[in-house]
């Protein structure tokens, strides 16, 4: 059986990534951790293996030399074994600790600090036979099986290649002493381990890349999912538009109450109306009300009831309506035009 097709075409959002991470769905390759640890161990043994061997050999010689030949007993063998174990722990403890820290660090580099209790919950659907067959015959399980078989094949070929290249040195006649045999075996073993570690690292990186691509594909979202997430985050756009429209209407209705404070009304002539207020001591004229359509007619009606001058200035009314909100002072570029109109109104009042 094939696994369910994923129809997502849109790039995952940050929220989708965070939800996936909280559920424990992260990209991790255990093979990458083991390959890097193995490669580090080979380099450490290559650089310090000779010193470790010399230290162990010197200790063994000292122990054998101090054994009394007359009363050699089982106790001496036991004491020697304990001593060798202690030496191995003291010498190799640092190496093992370093490898453990490296493994933990590589794991954190892959997934970061993730604590997911949801991934620990019991999923009863996993025990259903049908779901087990789906996982068994899925693309992901097929890729894992192919990667495992490829790893075994490449490691065997790499080992055989190294042995075949060193076949001329494997003759017994090439070694005069036991120490030469041990040294050759050590170097050959480390060479094979380095080659295997390199091959394992290449395969692990390939495995990580495949898992990352699969994970990114699973995270992709459909357009419906993206729209639904935007609605969940910001609300329905139609509802938001309606709310903004109601808010604008409420502000306009509220601003109509301030029309009696205006000094003059500028119109366009019937579609737009802008109420401008100016009093001595103000830094600049201010818009106290504006409206379009029915609101513009209401502003003009209230202004005439309060005997406020209503002037038709199409370009100026349109510009102020678009550029200035209610309660704001008019911009500097409109000062001169508005000032001339206000001056005319003051002269007309004085003349009357």
C-alpha atoms as a PDB file:
ATOM      1  CA  UNK A   1       0.000   0.000   0.000  1.00  0.00           C
ATOM      2  CA  UNK A   2       1.169   3.502  -0.704  1.00  0.00           C
ATOM      3  CA  UNK A   3       1.076   6.253   1.852  1.00  0.00           C
ATOM      4  CA  UNK A   4      -1.495   9.016   1.580  1.00  0.00           C
ATOM      5  CA  UNK A   5      -0.675  11.674  -0.978  1.00  0.00           C
ATOM      6  CA  UNK A   6       0.087  15.136   0.314  1.00  0.00           C
ATOM      7  CA  UNK A   7      -1.472  17.831  -1.860  1.00  0.00           C
ATOM      8  CA  UNK A   8       0.100  20.903  -0.264  1.00  0.00           C
ATOM      9  CA  UNK A   9       1.570  23.400  -2.716  1.00  0.00           C
ATOM     10  CA  UNK A  10       2.118  26.481  -0.528  1.00  0.00           C
ATOM     11  CA  UNK A  11       5.205  27.101   1.605  1.00  0.00           C
ATOM     12  CA  UNK A  12       4.575  26.371   5.302  1.00  0.00           C
ATOM     13  CA  UNK A  13       3.985  29.312   7.589  1.00  0.00           C
ATOM     14  CA  UNK A  14       5.906  29.915  10.804  1.00  0.00           C
ATOM     15  CA  UNK A  15       2.858  28.819  12.788  1.00  0.00           C
ATOM     16  CA  UNK A  16       2.741  25.508  10.884  1.00  0.00           C
ATOM     17  CA  UNK A  17       6.426  24.897  11.603  1.00  0.00           C
ATOM     18  CA  UNK A  18       5.997  25.661  15.301  1.00  0.00           C
ATOM     19  CA  UNK A  19       2.997  23.333  15.591  1.00  0.00           C
ATOM     20  CA  UNK A  20       4.921  20.539  13.866  1.00  0.00           C
ATOM     21  CA  UNK A  21       7.886  21.111  16.161  1.00  0.00           C
ATOM     22  CA  UNK A  22       5.708  21.075  19.279  1.00  0.00           C
ATOM     23  CA  UNK A  23       4.283  17.744  18.146  1.00  0.00           C
ATOM     24  CA  UNK A  24       7.804  16.307  17.968  1.00  0.00           C
ATOM     25  CA  UNK A  25       7.916  16.177  14.154  1.00  0.00           C
ATOM     26  CA  UNK A  26      11.514  17.193  13.528  1.00  0.00           C
ATOM     27  CA  UNK A  27      14.246  16.094  11.146  1.00  0.00           C
ATOM     28  CA  UNK A  28      16.760  13.815  12.844  1.00  0.00           C
ATOM     29  CA  UNK A  29      19.151  11.161  11.565  1.00  0.00           C
ATOM     30  CA  UNK A  30      20.652   8.864  14.230  1.00  0.00           C
ATOM     31  CA  UNK A  31      23.093   7.636  11.582  1.00  0.00           C
ATOM     32  CA  UNK A  32      24.541  11.140  11.323  1.00  0.00           C
ATOM     33  CA  UNK A  33      25.250  11.241  15.056  1.00  0.00           C
ATOM     34  CA  UNK A  34      26.914   7.815  15.058  1.00  0.00           C
ATOM     35  CA  UNK A  35      28.936   8.587  11.904  1.00  0.00           C
ATOM     36  CA  UNK A  36      30.357  11.841  13.316  1.00  0.00           C
ATOM     37  CA  UNK A  37      31.131  10.142  16.644  1.00  0.00           C
ATOM     38  CA  UNK A  38      32.859   7.275  14.818  1.00  0.00           C
ATOM     39  CA  UNK A  39      34.900   9.676  12.697  1.00  0.00           C
ATOM     40  CA  UNK A  40      35.967  11.652  15.773  1.00  0.00           C
ATOM     41  CA  UNK A  41      36.939   8.450  17.596  1.00  0.00           C
ATOM     42  CA  UNK A  42      39.108   7.356  14.653  1.00  0.00           C
ATOM     43  CA  UNK A  43      40.936  10.683  14.565  1.00  0.00           C
ATOM     44  CA  UNK A  44      41.497  10.598  18.320  1.00  0.00           C
ATOM     45  CA  UNK A  45      42.851   7.058  18.193  1.00  0.00           C
ATOM     46  CA  UNK A  46      45.019   7.925  15.212  1.00  0.00           C
ATOM     47  CA  UNK A  47      46.558  10.882  17.043  1.00  0.00           C
ATOM     48  CA  UNK A  48      46.814   9.414  20.562  1.00  0.00           C
ATOM     49  CA  UNK A  49      46.513   5.660  20.047  1.00  0.00           C
ATOM     50  CA  UNK A  50      50.288   5.098  20.089  1.00  0.00           C
ATOM     51  CA  UNK A  51      50.642   6.924  23.422  1.00  0.00           C
ATOM     52  CA  UNK A  52      47.753   4.922  24.907  1.00  0.00           C
ATOM     53  CA  UNK A  53      49.306   1.651  23.756  1.00  0.00           C
ATOM     54  CA  UNK A  54      52.711   2.592  25.152  1.00  0.00           C
ATOM     55  CA  UNK A  55      51.191   3.488  28.502  1.00  0.00           C
ATOM     56  CA  UNK A  56      49.291   0.204  28.729  1.00  0.00           C
ATOM     57  CA  UNK A  57      52.343  -1.790  27.622  1.00  0.00           C
ATOM     58  CA  UNK A  58      54.582  -0.100  30.195  1.00  0.00           C
ATOM     59  CA  UNK A  59      52.066  -0.872  32.914  1.00  0.00           C
ATOM     60  CA  UNK A  60      51.786  -4.515  31.869  1.00  0.00           C
ATOM     61  CA  UNK A  61      55.571  -4.897  31.913  1.00  0.00           C
ATOM     62  CA  UNK A  62      55.742  -3.373  35.370  1.00  0.00           C
ATOM     63  CA  UNK A  63      52.995  -5.656  36.646  1.00  0.00           C
ATOM     64  CA  UNK A  64      54.567  -8.813  35.194  1.00  0.00           C
ATOM     65  CA  UNK A  65      57.979  -7.876  36.539  1.00  0.00           C
ATOM     66  CA  UNK A  66      56.663  -7.408  40.058  1.00  0.00           C
ATOM     67  CA  UNK A  67      54.916 -10.816  40.166  1.00  0.00           C
ATOM     68  CA  UNK A  68      56.840 -13.210  42.452  1.00  0.00           C
ATOM     69  CA  UNK A  69      57.771 -16.391  40.635  1.00  0.00           C
ATOM     70  CA  UNK A  70      57.568 -18.598  43.744  1.00  0.00           C
ATOM     71  CA  UNK A  71      54.011 -18.062  44.925  1.00  0.00           C
ATOM     72  CA  UNK A  72      52.162 -16.952  41.772  1.00  0.00           C
ATOM     73  CA  UNK A  73      48.489 -17.540  42.458  1.00  0.00           C
ATOM     74  CA  UNK A  74      44.948 -16.764  41.368  1.00  0.00           C
ATOM     75  CA  UNK A  75      45.048 -13.606  43.437  1.00  0.00           C
ATOM     76  CA  UNK A  76      47.809 -12.152  41.256  1.00  0.00           C
ATOM     77  CA  UNK A  77      45.739 -12.791  38.116  1.00  0.00           C
ATOM     78  CA  UNK A  78      42.691 -11.137  39.668  1.00  0.00           C
ATOM     79  CA  UNK A  79      44.708  -8.145  40.850  1.00  0.00           C
ATOM     80  CA  UNK A  80      46.245  -7.781  37.393  1.00  0.00           C
ATOM     81  CA  UNK A  81      42.833  -7.859  35.734  1.00  0.00           C
ATOM     82  CA  UNK A  82      41.544  -5.201  38.112  1.00  0.00           C
ATOM     83  CA  UNK A  83      44.569  -3.064  37.424  1.00  0.00           C
ATOM     84  CA  UNK A  84      44.210  -3.356  33.655  1.00  0.00           C
ATOM     85  CA  UNK A  85      40.511  -2.458  33.925  1.00  0.00           C
ATOM     86  CA  UNK A  86      41.311   0.605  36.013  1.00  0.00           C
ATOM     87  CA  UNK A  87      43.974   1.722  33.568  1.00  0.00           C
ATOM     88  CA  UNK A  88      41.602   1.323  30.641  1.00  0.00           C
ATOM     89  CA  UNK A  89      38.909   3.330  32.428  1.00  0.00           C
ATOM     90  CA  UNK A  90      41.303   6.131  33.330  1.00  0.00           C
ATOM     91  CA  UNK A  91      42.830   6.291  29.855  1.00  0.00           C
ATOM     92  CA  UNK A  92      39.673   5.792  27.789  1.00  0.00           C
ATOM     93  CA  UNK A  93      37.254   7.617  30.097  1.00  0.00           C
ATOM     94  CA  UNK A  94      38.096  10.992  28.604  1.00  0.00           C
ATOM     95  CA  UNK A  95      37.697   9.609  25.090  1.00  0.00           C
ATOM     96  CA  UNK A  96      34.317   8.057  25.876  1.00  0.00           C
ATOM     97  CA  UNK A  97      33.110  11.223  27.620  1.00  0.00           C
ATOM     98  CA  UNK A  98      34.154  13.352  24.657  1.00  0.00           C
ATOM     99  CA  UNK A  99      32.281  11.053  22.278  1.00  0.00           C
ATOM    100  CA  UNK A 100      29.154  11.250  24.454  1.00  0.00           C
ATOM    101  CA  UNK A 101      29.276  15.050  24.485  1.00  0.00           C
ATOM    102  CA  UNK A 102      29.794  15.046  20.717  1.00  0.00           C
ATOM    103  CA  UNK A 103      26.777  12.786  20.196  1.00  0.00           C
ATOM    104  CA  UNK A 104      24.563  15.009  22.352  1.00  0.00           C
ATOM    105  CA  UNK A 105      25.827  18.154  20.589  1.00  0.00           C
ATOM    106  CA  UNK A 106      25.155  16.715  17.122  1.00  0.00           C
ATOM    107  CA  UNK A 107      21.660  15.715  18.224  1.00  0.00           C
ATOM    108  CA  UNK A 108      20.919  19.244  19.445  1.00  0.00           C
ATOM    109  CA  UNK A 109      22.357  20.692  16.219  1.00  0.00           C
ATOM    110  CA  UNK A 110      19.834  18.656  14.235  1.00  0.00           C
ATOM    111  CA  UNK A 111      16.662  19.327  16.209  1.00  0.00           C
ATOM    112  CA  UNK A 112      17.494  21.992  18.789  1.00  0.00           C
ATOM    113  CA  UNK A 113      15.886  21.873  22.229  1.00  0.00           C
ATOM    114  CA  UNK A 114      12.533  20.167  21.725  1.00  0.00           C
ATOM    115  CA  UNK A 115      10.314  18.941  24.568  1.00  0.00           C
ATOM    116  CA  UNK A 116       7.179  17.347  23.159  1.00  0.00           C
ATOM    117  CA  UNK A 117       4.853  15.449  25.468  1.00  0.00           C
ATOM    118  CA  UNK A 118       2.348  14.971  22.653  1.00  0.00           C
ATOM    119  CA  UNK A 119       4.710  12.614  20.832  1.00  0.00           C
ATOM    120  CA  UNK A 120       4.833  10.496  24.012  1.00  0.00           C
ATOM    121  CA  UNK A 121       1.079  10.009  24.104  1.00  0.00           C
ATOM    122  CA  UNK A 122      -0.285   6.571  23.260  1.00  0.00           C
ATOM    123  CA  UNK A 123      -1.692   6.468  19.729  1.00  0.00           C
ATOM    124  CA  UNK A 124      -4.084   3.520  19.673  1.00  0.00           C
ATOM    125  CA  UNK A 125      -4.423   3.770  15.895  1.00  0.00           C
ATOM    126  CA  UNK A 126      -0.852   2.526  15.550  1.00  0.00           C
ATOM    127  CA  UNK A 127      -1.808  -0.944  16.790  1.00  0.00           C
ATOM    128  CA  UNK A 128      -4.403  -1.441  14.050  1.00  0.00           C
ATOM    129  CA  UNK A 129      -3.176  -4.013  11.470  1.00  0.00           C
ATOM    130  CA  UNK A 130      -4.245  -1.848   8.529  1.00  0.00           C
ATOM    131  CA  UNK A 131      -2.211   1.132   9.758  1.00  0.00           C
ATOM    132  CA  UNK A 132       0.773  -1.115  10.393  1.00  0.00           C
ATOM    133  CA  UNK A 133       0.617  -2.343   6.799  1.00  0.00           C
ATOM    134  CA  UNK A 134       0.386   1.255   5.569  1.00  0.00           C
ATOM    135  CA  UNK A 135       3.600   2.133   7.407  1.00  0.00           C
ATOM    136  CA  UNK A 136       5.276  -1.104   6.314  1.00  0.00           C
ATOM    137  CA  UNK A 137       4.609  -0.550   2.620  1.00  0.00           C
ATOM    138  CA  UNK A 138       5.047   3.238   2.549  1.00  0.00           C
ATOM    139  CA  UNK A 139       7.527   5.333   0.592  1.00  0.00           C
ATOM    140  CA  UNK A 140       9.284   6.357   3.802  1.00  0.00           C
ATOM    141  CA  UNK A 141       9.830   2.772   4.967  1.00  0.00           C
ATOM    142  CA  UNK A 142      11.024   1.867   1.459  1.00  0.00           C
ATOM    143  CA  UNK A 143      13.564   4.683   1.523  1.00  0.00           C
ATOM    144  CA  UNK A 144      14.781   3.628   4.970  1.00  0.00           C
ATOM    145  CA  UNK A 145      15.212   0.043   3.797  1.00  0.00           C
ATOM    146  CA  UNK A 146      17.067   1.181   0.699  1.00  0.00           C
ATOM    147  CA  UNK A 147      19.370   3.399   2.773  1.00  0.00           C
ATOM    148  CA  UNK A 148      20.096   0.535   5.181  1.00  0.00           C
ATOM    149  CA  UNK A 149      20.933  -1.898   2.393  1.00  0.00           C
ATOM    150  CA  UNK A 150      23.083   0.715   0.645  1.00  0.00           C
ATOM    151  CA  UNK A 151      24.979   1.392   3.868  1.00  0.00           C
ATOM    152  CA  UNK A 152      25.820  -2.295   4.396  1.00  0.00           C
ATOM    153  CA  UNK A 153      26.849  -2.700   0.741  1.00  0.00           C
ATOM    154  CA  UNK A 154      29.077   0.385   0.681  1.00  0.00           C
ATOM    155  CA  UNK A 155      30.743  -0.511   3.987  1.00  0.00           C
ATOM    156  CA  UNK A 156      31.513  -4.041   2.767  1.00  0.00           C
ATOM    157  CA  UNK A 157      32.893  -2.766  -0.523  1.00  0.00           C
ATOM    158  CA  UNK A 158      35.036  -0.145   1.241  1.00  0.00           C
ATOM    159  CA  UNK A 159      36.489  -2.759   3.630  1.00  0.00           C
ATOM    160  CA  UNK A 160      37.235  -5.193   0.819  1.00  0.00           C
ATOM    161  CA  UNK A 161      38.822  -2.416  -1.244  1.00  0.00           C
ATOM    162  CA  UNK A 162      41.223  -1.439   1.532  1.00  0.00           C
ATOM    163  CA  UNK A 163      42.208  -5.047   2.225  1.00  0.00           C
ATOM    164  CA  UNK A 164      42.719  -5.676  -1.493  1.00  0.00           C
ATOM    165  CA  UNK A 165      44.923  -2.564  -1.811  1.00  0.00           C
ATOM    166  CA  UNK A 166      47.039  -3.735   1.161  1.00  0.00           C
ATOM    167  CA  UNK A 167      47.129  -7.395   0.146  1.00  0.00           C
ATOM    168  CA  UNK A 168      50.871  -7.318  -0.602  1.00  0.00           C
ATOM    169  CA  UNK A 169      51.582  -6.321   3.012  1.00  0.00           C
ATOM    170  CA  UNK A 170      49.578  -9.140   4.587  1.00  0.00           C
ATOM    171  CA  UNK A 171      52.270 -11.787   4.096  1.00  0.00           C
ATOM    172  CA  UNK A 172      53.744 -13.243   7.306  1.00  0.00           C
ATOM    173  CA  UNK A 173      57.244 -12.886   5.899  1.00  0.00           C
ATOM    174  CA  UNK A 174      56.941  -9.119   6.066  1.00  0.00           C
ATOM    175  CA  UNK A 175      56.936  -9.133   9.886  1.00  0.00           C
ATOM    176  CA  UNK A 176      59.911 -10.025  12.037  1.00  0.00           C
ATOM    177  CA  UNK A 177      58.450  -9.447  15.503  1.00  0.00           C
ATOM    178  CA  UNK A 178      55.099  -9.511  17.245  1.00  0.00           C
ATOM    179  CA  UNK A 179      55.229  -5.764  17.781  1.00  0.00           C
ATOM    180  CA  UNK A 180      55.431  -5.214  14.027  1.00  0.00           C
ATOM    181  CA  UNK A 181      52.363  -7.388  13.513  1.00  0.00           C
ATOM    182  CA  UNK A 182      50.448  -5.467  16.199  1.00  0.00           C
ATOM    183  CA  UNK A 183      51.505  -2.102  14.746  1.00  0.00           C
ATOM    184  CA  UNK A 184      50.468  -3.138  11.230  1.00  0.00           C
ATOM    185  CA  UNK A 185      47.140  -4.494  12.453  1.00  0.00           C
ATOM    186  CA  UNK A 186      46.528  -1.268  14.374  1.00  0.00           C
ATOM    187  CA  UNK A 187      47.223   0.933  11.365  1.00  0.00           C
ATOM    188  CA  UNK A 188      45.173  -1.273   9.040  1.00  0.00           C
ATOM    189  CA  UNK A 189      42.288  -1.332  11.488  1.00  0.00           C
ATOM    190  CA  UNK A 190      42.325   2.449  11.883  1.00  0.00           C
ATOM    191  CA  UNK A 191      42.509   2.920   8.116  1.00  0.00           C
ATOM    192  CA  UNK A 192      39.489   0.681   7.644  1.00  0.00           C
ATOM    193  CA  UNK A 193      37.624   2.479  10.443  1.00  0.00           C
ATOM    194  CA  UNK A 194      38.386   5.886   8.915  1.00  0.00           C
ATOM    195  CA  UNK A 195      37.165   4.725   5.531  1.00  0.00           C
ATOM    196  CA  UNK A 196      34.022   3.234   7.056  1.00  0.00           C
ATOM    197  CA  UNK A 197      33.418   6.402   9.065  1.00  0.00           C
ATOM    198  CA  UNK A 198      33.753   8.531   5.923  1.00  0.00           C
ATOM    199  CA  UNK A 199      31.353   6.316   3.975  1.00  0.00           C
ATOM    200  CA  UNK A 200      28.937   6.281   6.922  1.00  0.00           C
ATOM    201  CA  UNK A 201      29.067  10.076   7.138  1.00  0.00           C
ATOM    202  CA  UNK A 202      28.304  10.454   3.419  1.00  0.00           C
ATOM    203  CA  UNK A 203      25.368   8.044   3.694  1.00  0.00           C
ATOM    204  CA  UNK A 204      24.140   9.759   6.884  1.00  0.00           C
ATOM    205  CA  UNK A 205      24.209  13.171   5.206  1.00  0.00           C
ATOM    206  CA  UNK A 206      22.242  11.720   2.306  1.00  0.00           C
ATOM    207  CA  UNK A 207      19.766  10.218   4.760  1.00  0.00           C
ATOM    208  CA  UNK A 208      19.390  13.546   6.563  1.00  0.00           C
ATOM    209  CA  UNK A 209      18.851  15.387   3.267  1.00  0.00           C
ATOM    210  CA  UNK A 210      16.175  12.897   2.183  1.00  0.00           C
ATOM    211  CA  UNK A 211      14.408  13.211   5.549  1.00  0.00           C
ATOM    212  CA  UNK A 212      14.591  17.007   5.397  1.00  0.00           C
ATOM    213  CA  UNK A 213      13.071  17.075   1.918  1.00  0.00           C
ATOM    214  CA  UNK A 214      10.323  14.673   2.991  1.00  0.00           C
ATOM    215  CA  UNK A 215       9.641  16.776   6.094  1.00  0.00           C
ATOM    216  CA  UNK A 216       9.442  19.996   4.066  1.00  0.00           C
ATOM    217  CA  UNK A 217       7.048  18.314   1.638  1.00  0.00           C
ATOM    218  CA  UNK A 218       4.803  17.170   4.496  1.00  0.00           C
ATOM    219  CA  UNK A 219       4.773  20.694   5.959  1.00  0.00           C
ATOM    220  CA  UNK A 220       3.499  22.256   2.740  1.00  0.00           C
ATOM    221  CA  UNK A 221      -0.015  23.630   3.004  1.00  0.00           C
ATOM    222  CA  UNK A 222      -2.962  23.895   0.676  1.00  0.00           C
ATOM    223  CA  UNK A 223      -4.373  27.314  -0.165  1.00  0.00           C
ATOM    224  CA  UNK A 224      -7.428  26.531   1.922  1.00  0.00           C
ATOM    225  CA  UNK A 225      -5.224  25.805   4.947  1.00  0.00           C
ATOM    226  CA  UNK A 226      -3.320  29.074   4.470  1.00  0.00           C
ATOM    227  CA  UNK A 227      -6.573  31.040   4.207  1.00  0.00           C
ATOM    228  CA  UNK A 228      -7.996  29.296   7.267  1.00  0.00           C
ATOM    229  CA  UNK A 229      -4.859  30.060   9.270  1.00  0.00           C
ATOM    230  CA  UNK A 230      -5.041  33.716   8.270  1.00  0.00           C
ATOM    231  CA  UNK A 231      -8.670  33.773   9.356  1.00  0.00           C
ATOM    232  CA  UNK A 232      -7.748  32.202  12.693  1.00  0.00           C
ATOM    233  CA  UNK A 233      -4.949  34.722  13.240  1.00  0.00           C
ATOM    234  CA  UNK A 234      -6.581  37.878  11.960  1.00  0.00           C
ATOM    235  CA  UNK A 235     -10.265  37.043  11.691  1.00  0.00           C
ATOM    236  CA  UNK A 236     -12.450  36.774   8.605  1.00  0.00           C
ATOM    237  CA  UNK A 237     -11.424  39.541   6.123  1.00  0.00           C
ATOM    238  CA  UNK A 238     -15.077  40.224   5.289  1.00  0.00           C
ATOM    239  CA  UNK A 239     -15.867  40.660   8.968  1.00  0.00           C
ATOM    240  CA  UNK A 240     -12.830  42.920   9.441  1.00  0.00           C
ATOM    241  CA  UNK A 241     -13.887  45.054   6.467  1.00  0.00           C
ATOM    242  CA  UNK A 242     -17.406  45.356   7.852  1.00  0.00           C
ATOM    243  CA  UNK A 243     -16.039  46.330  11.284  1.00  0.00           C
ATOM    244  CA  UNK A 244     -13.777  48.988   9.761  1.00  0.00           C
ATOM    245  CA  UNK A 245     -16.702  50.336   7.741  1.00  0.00           C
ATOM    246  CA  UNK A 246     -18.850  50.570  10.854  1.00  0.00           C
ATOM    247  CA  UNK A 247     -16.036  52.286  12.716  1.00  0.00           C
ATOM    248  CA  UNK A 248     -15.639  54.870   9.963  1.00  0.00           C
ATOM    249  CA  UNK A 249     -19.368  55.524   9.969  1.00  0.00           C
ATOM    250  CA  UNK A 250     -19.337  55.878  13.745  1.00  0.00           C
ATOM    251  CA  UNK A 251     -16.462  58.376  13.581  1.00  0.00           C
ATOM    252  CA  UNK A 252     -18.256  60.365  10.906  1.00  0.00           C
ATOM    253  CA  UNK A 253     -21.483  60.432  12.894  1.00  0.00           C
ATOM    254  CA  UNK A 254     -19.544  61.544  15.937  1.00  0.00           C
ATOM    255  CA  UNK A 255     -17.759  64.220  13.947  1.00  0.00           C
ATOM    256  CA  UNK A 256     -21.070  65.700  12.785  1.00  0.00           C
ATOM    257  CA  UNK A 257     -21.624  66.834  16.371  1.00  0.00           C
ATOM    258  CA  UNK A 258     -18.560  69.075  16.094  1.00  0.00           C
ATOM    259  CA  UNK A 259     -19.808  70.880  12.975  1.00  0.00           C
ATOM    260  CA  UNK A 260     -21.091  73.873  15.039  1.00  0.00           C
ATOM    261  CA  UNK A 261     -17.480  74.502  16.106  1.00  0.00           C
ATOM    262  CA  UNK A 262     -16.362  74.950  12.491  1.00  0.00           C
ATOM    263  CA  UNK A 263     -15.324  78.273  11.005  1.00  0.00           C
ATOM    264  CA  UNK A 264     -16.237  77.307   7.434  1.00  0.00           C
ATOM    265  CA  UNK A 265     -17.366  74.356   5.330  1.00  0.00           C
ATOM    266  CA  UNK A 266     -15.675  73.410   2.066  1.00  0.00           C
ATOM    267  CA  UNK A 267     -17.728  71.324  -0.396  1.00  0.00           C
ATOM    268  CA  UNK A 268     -17.328  69.493  -3.704  1.00  0.00           C
ATOM    269  CA  UNK A 269     -20.198  70.716  -3.985  1.00  0.00           C
ATOM    270  CA  UNK A 270     -22.570  67.963  -2.827  1.00  0.00           C
ATOM    271  CA  UNK A 271     -20.490  64.745  -2.664  1.00  0.00           C
ATOM    272  CA  UNK A 272     -17.909  65.879  -0.122  1.00  0.00           C
ATOM    273  CA  UNK A 273     -17.901  68.288   2.808  1.00  0.00           C
ATOM    274  CA  UNK A 274     -15.010  69.299   5.066  1.00  0.00           C
ATOM    275  CA  UNK A 275     -15.521  71.381   8.220  1.00  0.00           C
ATOM    276  CA  UNK A 276     -12.527  73.584   9.088  1.00  0.00           C
ATOM    277  CA  UNK A 277     -12.082  75.283  12.468  1.00  0.00           C
ATOM    278  CA  UNK A 278      -9.725  78.167  13.190  1.00  0.00           C
ATOM    279  CA  UNK A 279      -9.548  80.412  16.244  1.00  0.00           C
ATOM    280  CA  UNK A 280      -7.000  82.920  17.360  1.00  0.00           C
ATOM    281  CA  UNK A 281      -4.127  81.249  19.177  1.00  0.00           C
ATOM    282  CA  UNK A 282      -4.341  77.996  17.201  1.00  0.00           C
ATOM    283  CA  UNK A 283      -1.117  76.932  15.478  1.00  0.00           C
ATOM    284  CA  UNK A 284      -2.998  75.867  12.337  1.00  0.00           C
ATOM    285  CA  UNK A 285      -6.572  75.294  11.157  1.00  0.00           C
ATOM    286  CA  UNK A 286      -8.025  71.932  12.120  1.00  0.00           C
ATOM    287  CA  UNK A 287     -10.507  69.542  10.513  1.00  0.00           C
ATOM    288  CA  UNK A 288     -13.387  68.960  12.924  1.00  0.00           C
ATOM    289  CA  UNK A 289     -15.678  67.013  10.579  1.00  0.00           C
ATOM    290  CA  UNK A 290     -15.769  65.549   7.119  1.00  0.00           C
ATOM    291  CA  UNK A 291     -18.114  63.303   5.206  1.00  0.00           C
ATOM    292  CA  UNK A 292     -19.262  62.023   1.852  1.00  0.00           C
ATOM    293  CA  UNK A 293     -22.713  61.478   0.439  1.00  0.00           C
ATOM    294  CA  UNK A 294     -25.387  61.604   3.141  1.00  0.00           C
ATOM    295  CA  UNK A 295     -22.838  62.695   5.766  1.00  0.00           C
ATOM    296  CA  UNK A 296     -21.770  65.599   3.546  1.00  0.00           C
ATOM    297  CA  UNK A 297     -25.394  66.758   3.242  1.00  0.00           C
ATOM    298  CA  UNK A 298     -25.816  66.527   7.018  1.00  0.00           C
ATOM    299  CA  UNK A 299     -22.696  68.624   7.572  1.00  0.00           C
ATOM    300  CA  UNK A 300     -23.940  71.292   5.156  1.00  0.00           C
ATOM    301  CA  UNK A 301     -27.418  71.271   6.731  1.00  0.00           C
ATOM    302  CA  UNK A 302     -26.068  71.683  10.292  1.00  0.00           C
ATOM    303  CA  UNK A 303     -23.663  74.396   9.126  1.00  0.00           C
ATOM    304  CA  UNK A 304     -26.461  76.423   7.539  1.00  0.00           C
ATOM    305  CA  UNK A 305     -28.593  76.014  10.661  1.00  0.00           C
ATOM    306  CA  UNK A 306     -25.725  77.570  12.647  1.00  0.00           C
ATOM    307  CA  UNK A 307     -25.020  80.179   9.954  1.00  0.00           C
ATOM    308  CA  UNK A 308     -21.556  78.835   9.176  1.00  0.00           C
ATOM    309  CA  UNK A 309     -20.256  79.812   5.726  1.00  0.00           C
ATOM    310  CA  UNK A 310     -20.452  76.997   3.152  1.00  0.00           C
ATOM    311  CA  UNK A 311     -18.079  77.506   0.213  1.00  0.00           C
ATOM    312  CA  UNK A 312     -17.658  75.407  -2.910  1.00  0.00           C
ATOM    313  CA  UNK A 313     -13.952  74.687  -3.431  1.00  0.00           C
ATOM    314  CA  UNK A 314     -13.734  71.436  -5.376  1.00  0.00           C
ATOM    315  CA  UNK A 315      -9.929  70.849  -5.582  1.00  0.00           C
ATOM    316  CA  UNK A 316      -9.270  72.026  -2.037  1.00  0.00           C
ATOM    317  CA  UNK A 317     -12.167  70.038  -0.562  1.00  0.00           C
ATOM    318  CA  UNK A 318     -11.067  66.857  -2.333  1.00  0.00           C
ATOM    319  CA  UNK A 319      -7.442  67.324  -1.244  1.00  0.00           C
ATOM    320  CA  UNK A 320      -8.303  67.972   2.413  1.00  0.00           C
ATOM    321  CA  UNK A 321     -10.809  65.105   2.490  1.00  0.00           C
ATOM    322  CA  UNK A 322      -8.155  62.647   1.220  1.00  0.00           C
ATOM    323  CA  UNK A 323      -5.134  63.943   3.175  1.00  0.00           C
ATOM    324  CA  UNK A 324      -6.395  64.958   6.617  1.00  0.00           C
ATOM    325  CA  UNK A 325      -8.344  62.954   9.219  1.00  0.00           C
ATOM    326  CA  UNK A 326     -10.828  64.397  11.665  1.00  0.00           C
ATOM    327  CA  UNK A 327      -9.083  66.105  14.577  1.00  0.00           C
ATOM    328  CA  UNK A 328      -5.832  66.741  12.682  1.00  0.00           C
ATOM    329  CA  UNK A 329      -4.331  70.054  11.680  1.00  0.00           C
ATOM    330  CA  UNK A 330      -4.135  70.774   7.979  1.00  0.00           C
ATOM    331  CA  UNK A 331      -0.708  70.262   6.338  1.00  0.00           C
ATOM    332  CA  UNK A 332       1.561  73.205   5.573  1.00  0.00           C
ATOM    333  CA  UNK A 333       0.918  73.045   1.813  1.00  0.00           C
ATOM    334  CA  UNK A 334      -2.756  73.958   2.382  1.00  0.00           C
ATOM    335  CA  UNK A 335      -2.071  76.898   4.717  1.00  0.00           C
ATOM    336  CA  UNK A 336      -2.179  79.624   2.120  1.00  0.00           C
ATOM    337  CA  UNK A 337      -5.377  78.495   0.392  1.00  0.00           C
ATOM    338  CA  UNK A 338      -7.253  78.018   3.676  1.00  0.00           C
ATOM    339  CA  UNK A 339      -5.850  81.244   5.151  1.00  0.00           C
ATOM    340  CA  UNK A 340      -7.104  83.296   2.190  1.00  0.00           C
ATOM    341  CA  UNK A 341     -10.606  81.832   2.578  1.00  0.00           C
ATOM    342  CA  UNK A 342     -10.636  82.490   6.341  1.00  0.00           C
ATOM    343  CA  UNK A 343      -9.414  86.052   5.749  1.00  0.00           C
ATOM    344  CA  UNK A 344     -12.266  86.629   3.270  1.00  0.00           C
ATOM    345  CA  UNK A 345     -14.787  85.365   5.831  1.00  0.00           C
ATOM    346  CA  UNK A 346     -13.383  87.651   8.560  1.00  0.00           C
ATOM    347  CA  UNK A 347     -13.495  90.680   6.207  1.00  0.00           C
ATOM    348  CA  UNK A 348     -17.052  89.857   5.240  1.00  0.00           C
ATOM    349  CA  UNK A 349     -18.086  89.648   8.917  1.00  0.00           C
ATOM    350  CA  UNK A 350     -16.389  92.962   9.701  1.00  0.00           C
ATOM    351  CA  UNK A 351     -18.059  94.623   6.718  1.00  0.00           C
ATOM    352  CA  UNK A 352     -21.458  93.366   7.829  1.00  0.00           C
END
